[in-house]
C-alpha atoms as a PDB file:
ATOM      1  CA  MET A   1     -49.367  11.486  27.335  1.00  0.00           C
ATOM      2  CA  SER A   2     -47.550  14.697  27.547  1.00  0.00           C
ATOM      3  CA  HIS A   3     -44.612  15.443  29.756  1.00  0.00           C
ATOM      4  CA  ALA A   4     -45.063  17.978  32.588  1.00  0.00           C
ATOM      5  CA  ASP A   5     -42.576  20.790  33.236  1.00  0.00           C
ATOM      6  CA  PHE A   6     -41.678  19.677  36.686  1.00  0.00           C
ATOM      7  CA  CYS A   7     -42.029  16.364  38.820  1.00  0.00           C
ATOM      8  CA  HIS A   8     -44.978  16.335  41.376  1.00  0.00           C
ATOM      9  CA  PRO A   9     -42.762  16.317  44.601  1.00  0.00           C
ATOM     10  CA  PHE A  10     -45.392  14.525  46.681  1.00  0.00           C
ATOM     11  CA  GLU A  11     -46.057  11.769  44.189  1.00  0.00           C
ATOM     12  CA  PHE A  12     -42.237  11.138  44.056  1.00  0.00           C
ATOM     13  CA  ILE A  13     -41.880  11.152  47.861  1.00  0.00           C
ATOM     14  CA  GLY A  14     -44.735   8.616  48.023  1.00  0.00           C
ATOM     15  CA  PHE A  15     -43.111   6.446  45.490  1.00  0.00           C
ATOM     16  CA  MET A  16     -39.794   6.587  47.173  1.00  0.00           C
ATOM     17  CA  GLY A  17     -41.551   5.724  50.427  1.00  0.00           C
ATOM     18  CA  ALA A  18     -43.250   2.831  48.895  1.00  0.00           C
ATOM     19  CA  THR A  19     -40.038   1.450  47.468  1.00  0.00           C
ATOM     20  CA  GLU A  20     -37.888   1.884  50.572  1.00  0.00           C
ATOM     21  CA  GLY A  21     -35.286  -0.868  50.905  1.00  0.00           C
ATOM     22  CA  LEU A  22     -35.109  -1.565  47.183  1.00  0.00           C
ATOM     23  CA  GLU A  23     -32.144  -0.564  45.203  1.00  0.00           C
ATOM     24  CA  PHE A  24     -32.810   0.989  41.750  1.00  0.00           C
ATOM     25  CA  ASP A  25     -31.940   3.898  39.536  1.00  0.00           C
ATOM     26  CA  VAL A  26     -34.258   6.924  39.031  1.00  0.00           C
ATOM     27  CA  MET A  27     -34.691   8.710  35.685  1.00  0.00           C
ATOM     28  CA  LEU A  28     -36.828  11.786  35.426  1.00  0.00           C
ATOM     29  CA  GLU A  29     -38.217  13.180  32.210  1.00  0.00           C
ATOM     30  CA  ALA A  30     -39.530  16.695  32.282  1.00  0.00           C
ATOM     31  CA  LYS A  31     -39.894  19.751  29.999  1.00  0.00           C
ATOM     32  CA  ALA A  32     -37.892  21.753  32.371  1.00  0.00           C
ATOM     33  CA  LYS A  33     -34.965  19.538  31.714  1.00  0.00           C
ATOM     34  CA  ASP A  34     -32.175  20.485  34.219  1.00  0.00           C
ATOM     35  CA  LEU A  35     -34.239  22.614  36.462  1.00  0.00           C
ATOM     36  CA  ALA A  36     -36.755  19.836  37.282  1.00  0.00           C
ATOM     37  CA  PRO A  37     -34.281  17.610  39.214  1.00  0.00           C
ATOM     38  CA  ILE A  38     -32.862  20.553  41.011  1.00  0.00           C
ATOM     39  CA  ARG A  39     -36.438  21.639  42.207  1.00  0.00           C
ATOM     40  CA  LEU A  40     -37.214  18.067  43.076  1.00  0.00           C
ATOM     41  CA  ARG A  41     -34.220  17.790  45.319  1.00  0.00           C
ATOM     42  CA  LEU A  42     -34.973  21.129  47.083  1.00  0.00           C
ATOM     43  CA  ASP A  43     -38.585  19.780  47.476  1.00  0.00           C
ATOM     44  CA  MET A  44     -37.342  16.580  49.274  1.00  0.00           C
ATOM     45  CA  VAL A  45     -35.124  18.393  51.516  1.00  0.00           C
ATOM     46  CA  ARG A  46     -38.101  20.769  52.601  1.00  0.00           C
ATOM     47  CA  TYR A  47     -40.917  18.208  52.648  1.00  0.00           C
ATOM     48  CA  ALA A  48     -39.390  14.854  53.153  1.00  0.00           C
ATOM     49  CA  PRO A  49     -35.805  14.952  54.819  1.00  0.00           C
ATOM     50  CA  GLU A  50     -35.978  11.166  55.274  1.00  0.00           C
ATOM     51  CA  VAL A  51     -36.240  10.632  51.619  1.00  0.00           C
ATOM     52  CA  ALA A  52     -33.712  13.328  50.707  1.00  0.00           C
ATOM     53  CA  ARG A  53     -31.143  11.513  52.914  1.00  0.00           C
ATOM     54  CA  ARG A  54     -31.462   8.492  50.621  1.00  0.00           C
ATOM     55  CA  PHE A  55     -29.994  10.705  48.034  1.00  0.00           C
ATOM     56  CA  GLY A  56     -27.246  12.053  50.235  1.00  0.00           C
ATOM     57  CA  LEU A  57     -29.060  15.479  50.722  1.00  0.00           C
ATOM     58  CA  GLY A  58     -29.503  17.090  54.240  1.00  0.00           C
ATOM     59  CA  ALA A  59     -30.701  20.348  55.685  1.00  0.00           C
ATOM     60  CA  SER A  60     -27.346  22.021  54.783  1.00  0.00           C
ATOM     61  CA  SER A  61     -28.090  21.293  50.996  1.00  0.00           C
ATOM     62  CA  GLU A  62     -31.151  23.694  50.975  1.00  0.00           C
ATOM     63  CA  ASP A  63     -29.146  26.810  50.457  1.00  0.00           C
ATOM     64  CA  VAL A  64     -27.049  25.352  47.813  1.00  0.00           C
ATOM     65  CA  LEU A  65     -30.055  23.921  45.992  1.00  0.00           C
ATOM     66  CA  GLY A  66     -32.042  27.155  46.309  1.00  0.00           C
ATOM     67  CA  ALA A  67     -29.019  28.937  44.611  1.00  0.00           C
ATOM     68  CA  GLU A  68     -28.798  26.390  41.938  1.00  0.00           C
ATOM     69  CA  GLU A  69     -32.631  26.894  41.318  1.00  0.00           C
ATOM     70  CA  ALA A  70     -32.186  30.679  41.088  1.00  0.00           C
ATOM     71  CA  GLY A  71     -29.543  30.140  38.490  1.00  0.00           C
END
């Protein structure tokens, strides 16, 4: 199986919803290396703020994450 460039945000959001209440670490493996988790965090803030809050991200994070993504 080959790795994707980025994580599919809605699959990750669904996984996080299904595992709510459990405590575990998350490790991502993607071709885009450092950019993949930045984009995933931004997608969580945009599409699933309740999941983003589990990672300490809020609406105020969107500008900072967008700037990180832009490089």
